[in-house]
Amino acid sequence: MEAIRESVEDYETHAMLCRAIDRTTASDRKADAVARAAAVLSLAADKVLKASDAHLLMCHEPNNRTVVDSVRVDVFKALTTRQD
């Protein structure tokens, strides 16, 4: 259940970043932060899915969450960076 909750939160965080990028792009502001945020968003899923233990889907199997946690931090940083 914990993994399901975290995946829903990750999805919503990615959706928030996508909406923030869309709003900023629509306002014709072409800040470097927007380009960096778009890069984070476009690479996030691939980084997680290409992790060496991404195939370990069973909850009772230990896996390394470092990549997932790192991507999560990158997304949060992109969300909290000012888009001046």
N, C-alpha and C. Protein backbone atom coordinates (compact mmCIF):
# COMPACT_ATOMS: atom_id res chain seq x y z
N MET A 1 0.82 -1.19 0.00
CA MET A 1 0.00 0.00 0.00
C MET A 1 0.87 1.26 0.00
N GLU A 2 1.99 1.17 0.70
CA GLU A 2 2.91 2.32 0.74
C GLU A 2 3.42 2.64 -0.67
N ALA A 3 3.78 1.62 -1.43
CA ALA A 3 4.28 1.83 -2.79
C ALA A 3 3.20 2.44 -3.68
N ILE A 4 1.96 2.02 -3.51
CA ILE A 4 0.87 2.58 -4.31
C ILE A 4 0.69 4.05 -3.97
N ARG A 5 0.71 4.37 -2.68
CA ARG A 5 0.56 5.77 -2.26
C ARG A 5 1.68 6.63 -2.83
N GLU A 6 2.91 6.13 -2.75
CA GLU A 6 4.05 6.89 -3.26
C GLU A 6 3.96 7.09 -4.77
N SER A 7 3.50 6.07 -5.48
CA SER A 7 3.40 6.21 -6.93
C SER A 7 2.33 7.23 -7.31
N VAL A 8 1.24 7.28 -6.57
CA VAL A 8 0.20 8.29 -6.83
C VAL A 8 0.76 9.68 -6.56
N GLU A 9 1.49 9.83 -5.46
CA GLU A 9 2.11 11.12 -5.15
C GLU A 9 3.12 11.51 -6.23
N ASP A 10 3.92 10.57 -6.70
CA ASP A 10 4.89 10.87 -7.75
C ASP A 10 4.19 11.32 -9.02
N TYR A 11 3.10 10.63 -9.38
CA TYR A 11 2.35 11.01 -10.57
C TYR A 11 1.82 12.44 -10.43
N GLU A 12 1.23 12.76 -9.28
CA GLU A 12 0.68 14.10 -9.09
C GLU A 12 1.78 15.15 -9.09
N THR A 13 2.94 14.84 -8.53
CA THR A 13 4.05 15.79 -8.54
C THR A 13 4.51 16.06 -9.97
N HIS A 14 4.59 15.02 -10.78
CA HIS A 14 4.96 15.19 -12.19
C HIS A 14 3.90 15.99 -12.93
N ALA A 15 2.64 15.75 -12.63
CA ALA A 15 1.56 16.50 -13.26
C ALA A 15 1.62 17.98 -12.86
N MET A 16 1.96 18.25 -11.60
CA MET A 16 2.11 19.64 -11.14
C MET A 16 3.23 20.33 -11.90
N LEU A 17 4.35 19.63 -12.10
CA LEU A 17 5.47 20.22 -12.84
C LEU A 17 5.08 20.47 -14.29
N CYS A 18 4.36 19.55 -14.88
CA CYS A 18 3.90 19.71 -16.26
C CYS A 18 3.00 20.94 -16.38
N ARG A 19 2.06 21.09 -15.46
CA ARG A 19 1.17 22.26 -15.49
C ARG A 19 1.95 23.56 -15.28
N ALA A 20 2.93 23.55 -14.39
CA ALA A 20 3.74 24.75 -14.15
C ALA A 20 4.52 25.13 -15.40
N ILE A 21 5.07 24.15 -16.08
CA ILE A 21 5.80 24.41 -17.32
C ILE A 21 4.85 24.98 -18.37
N ASP A 22 3.67 24.39 -18.50
CA ASP A 22 2.69 24.88 -19.47
C ASP A 22 2.27 26.32 -19.18
N ARG A 23 2.00 26.64 -17.91
CA ARG A 23 1.60 28.01 -17.54
C ARG A 23 2.72 29.00 -17.85
N THR A 24 3.94 28.64 -17.51
CA THR A 24 5.07 29.55 -17.72
C THR A 24 5.34 29.73 -19.21
N THR A 25 5.27 28.65 -19.96
CA THR A 25 5.49 28.73 -21.41
C THR A 25 4.39 29.55 -22.07
N ALA A 26 3.15 29.39 -21.62
CA ALA A 26 2.03 30.14 -22.18
C ALA A 26 2.15 31.64 -21.92
N SER A 27 2.85 32.02 -20.86
CA SER A 27 3.02 33.43 -20.54
C SER A 27 4.20 34.05 -21.29
N ASP A 28 4.79 33.30 -22.21
CA ASP A 28 5.90 33.75 -23.04
C ASP A 28 7.18 34.04 -22.25
N ARG A 29 7.28 33.52 -21.04
CA ARG A 29 8.54 33.66 -20.30
C ARG A 29 9.40 32.47 -20.67
N LYS A 30 10.57 32.72 -21.18
CA LYS A 30 11.47 31.65 -21.63
C LYS A 30 12.69 31.58 -20.70
N ALA A 31 12.44 31.42 -19.44
CA ALA A 31 13.52 31.38 -18.46
C ALA A 31 14.29 30.08 -18.56
N ASP A 32 15.54 30.13 -18.15
CA ASP A 32 16.37 28.92 -18.09
C ASP A 32 15.76 27.88 -17.17
N ALA A 33 15.12 28.35 -16.10
CA ALA A 33 14.51 27.42 -15.15
C ALA A 33 13.42 26.59 -15.82
N VAL A 34 12.72 27.17 -16.78
CA VAL A 34 11.66 26.43 -17.48
C VAL A 34 12.29 25.34 -18.33
N ALA A 35 13.37 25.65 -19.01
CA ALA A 35 14.05 24.66 -19.83
C ALA A 35 14.60 23.52 -18.97
N ARG A 36 15.17 23.88 -17.82
CA ARG A 36 15.67 22.84 -16.91
C ARG A 36 14.54 21.98 -16.37
N ALA A 37 13.42 22.62 -16.03
CA ALA A 37 12.26 21.87 -15.52
C ALA A 37 11.72 20.93 -16.59
N ALA A 38 11.67 21.38 -17.82
CA ALA A 38 11.20 20.53 -18.92
C ALA A 38 12.14 19.34 -19.12
N ALA A 39 13.43 19.57 -18.96
CA ALA A 39 14.40 18.47 -19.10
C ALA A 39 14.22 17.46 -17.97
N VAL A 40 14.02 17.94 -16.76
CA VAL A 40 13.78 17.04 -15.62
C VAL A 40 12.55 16.19 -15.90
N LEU A 41 11.49 16.84 -16.36
CA LEU A 41 10.24 16.13 -16.62
C LEU A 41 10.39 15.08 -17.72
N SER A 42 11.10 15.45 -18.78
CA SER A 42 11.22 14.52 -19.91
C SER A 42 12.13 13.32 -19.61
N LEU A 43 13.06 13.49 -18.68
CA LEU A 43 14.00 12.41 -18.37
C LEU A 43 13.61 11.57 -17.16
N ALA A 44 12.67 12.04 -16.37
CA ALA A 44 12.37 11.41 -15.08
C ALA A 44 11.96 9.94 -15.22
N ALA A 45 10.99 9.65 -16.05
CA ALA A 45 10.50 8.27 -16.17
C ALA A 45 11.59 7.34 -16.68
N ASP A 46 12.34 7.78 -17.68
CA ASP A 46 13.41 6.94 -18.22
C ASP A 46 14.47 6.62 -17.17
N LYS A 47 14.83 7.62 -16.36
CA LYS A 47 15.83 7.38 -15.31
C LYS A 47 15.34 6.30 -14.34
N VAL A 48 14.09 6.39 -13.94
CA VAL A 48 13.56 5.43 -12.98
C VAL A 48 13.43 4.05 -13.59
N LEU A 49 12.90 3.99 -14.81
CA LEU A 49 12.66 2.69 -15.43
C LEU A 49 13.94 1.99 -15.88
N LYS A 50 15.02 2.75 -16.08
CA LYS A 50 16.29 2.15 -16.48
C LYS A 50 17.18 1.82 -15.30
N ALA A 51 16.70 2.06 -14.09
CA ALA A 51 17.47 1.70 -12.90
C ALA A 51 17.70 0.20 -12.89
N SER A 52 18.81 -0.22 -12.35
CA SER A 52 19.20 -1.63 -12.42
C SER A 52 18.19 -2.58 -11.77
N ASP A 53 17.43 -2.10 -10.80
CA ASP A 53 16.48 -3.00 -10.14
C ASP A 53 15.02 -2.61 -10.38
N ALA A 54 14.75 -1.90 -11.44
CA ALA A 54 13.39 -1.47 -11.73
C ALA A 54 12.44 -2.64 -11.97
N HIS A 55 12.98 -3.77 -12.36
CA HIS A 55 12.14 -4.94 -12.63
C HIS A 55 11.65 -5.63 -11.36
N LEU A 56 12.18 -5.25 -10.21
CA LEU A 56 11.77 -5.86 -8.95
C LEU A 56 10.48 -5.22 -8.46
N LEU A 57 9.38 -5.81 -8.84
CA LEU A 57 8.08 -5.22 -8.53
C LEU A 57 7.45 -5.79 -7.27
N MET A 58 7.96 -6.86 -6.77
CA MET A 58 7.36 -7.49 -5.60
C MET A 58 7.78 -6.71 -4.34
N CYS A 59 6.82 -6.44 -3.51
CA CYS A 59 7.07 -5.65 -2.30
C CYS A 59 8.02 -6.34 -1.32
N HIS A 60 8.03 -7.65 -1.32
CA HIS A 60 8.88 -8.37 -0.37
C HIS A 60 10.33 -8.46 -0.83
N GLU A 61 10.62 -8.01 -2.06
CA GLU A 61 12.00 -8.01 -2.56
C GLU A 61 12.63 -6.65 -2.30
N PRO A 62 13.76 -6.64 -1.60
CA PRO A 62 14.41 -5.35 -1.36
C PRO A 62 14.95 -4.77 -2.67
N ASN A 63 14.83 -3.48 -2.81
CA ASN A 63 15.41 -2.82 -3.98
C ASN A 63 15.99 -1.47 -3.59
N ASN A 64 16.83 -0.97 -4.44
CA ASN A 64 17.51 0.29 -4.20
C ASN A 64 16.62 1.42 -4.69
N ARG A 65 16.21 2.30 -3.80
CA ARG A 65 15.31 3.40 -4.14
C ARG A 65 16.08 4.69 -4.42
N THR A 66 17.40 4.62 -4.53
CA THR A 66 18.21 5.81 -4.71
C THR A 66 17.82 6.58 -5.96
N VAL A 67 17.64 5.90 -7.08
CA VAL A 67 17.31 6.58 -8.33
C VAL A 67 15.95 7.25 -8.23
N VAL A 68 14.97 6.54 -7.71
CA VAL A 68 13.62 7.09 -7.56
C VAL A 68 13.65 8.31 -6.65
N ASP A 69 14.34 8.20 -5.54
CA ASP A 69 14.42 9.32 -4.61
C ASP A 69 15.15 10.51 -5.23
N SER A 70 16.19 10.25 -6.00
CA SER A 70 16.92 11.32 -6.66
C SER A 70 16.05 12.05 -7.68
N VAL A 71 15.29 11.29 -8.45
CA VAL A 71 14.38 11.91 -9.44
C VAL A 71 13.31 12.72 -8.72
N ARG A 72 12.79 12.19 -7.63
CA ARG A 72 11.78 12.91 -6.85
C ARG A 72 12.33 14.26 -6.37
N VAL A 73 13.56 14.27 -5.88
CA VAL A 73 14.19 15.51 -5.43
C VAL A 73 14.36 16.48 -6.61
N ASP A 74 14.79 15.98 -7.76
CA ASP A 74 14.94 16.83 -8.94
C ASP A 74 13.62 17.49 -9.33
N VAL A 75 12.54 16.73 -9.28
CA VAL A 75 11.22 17.27 -9.63
C VAL A 75 10.80 18.34 -8.62
N PHE A 76 10.99 18.07 -7.34
CA PHE A 76 10.64 19.07 -6.33
C PHE A 76 11.48 20.34 -6.48
N LYS A 77 12.75 20.21 -6.78
CA LYS A 77 13.59 21.38 -7.01
C LYS A 77 13.10 22.18 -8.20
N ALA A 78 12.73 21.49 -9.26
CA ALA A 78 12.22 22.17 -10.46
C ALA A 78 10.92 22.90 -10.13
N LEU A 79 10.08 22.31 -9.31
CA LEU A 79 8.81 22.94 -8.94
C LEU A 79 9.01 24.18 -8.07
N THR A 80 10.05 24.18 -7.28
CA THR A 80 10.23 25.30 -6.33
C THR A 80 11.20 26.37 -6.83
N THR A 81 11.73 26.21 -8.04
CA THR A 81 12.62 27.22 -8.59
C THR A 81 11.80 28.36 -9.17
N ARG A 82 12.17 29.56 -8.84
CA ARG A 82 11.43 30.74 -9.36
C ARG A 82 11.62 30.84 -10.86
N GLN A 83 10.58 31.22 -11.55
CA GLN A 83 10.57 31.32 -13.01
C GLN A 83 10.56 32.79 -13.46
N ASP A 84 11.42 33.62 -12.90
CA ASP A 84 11.41 35.06 -13.23
C ASP A 84 11.84 35.36 -14.63
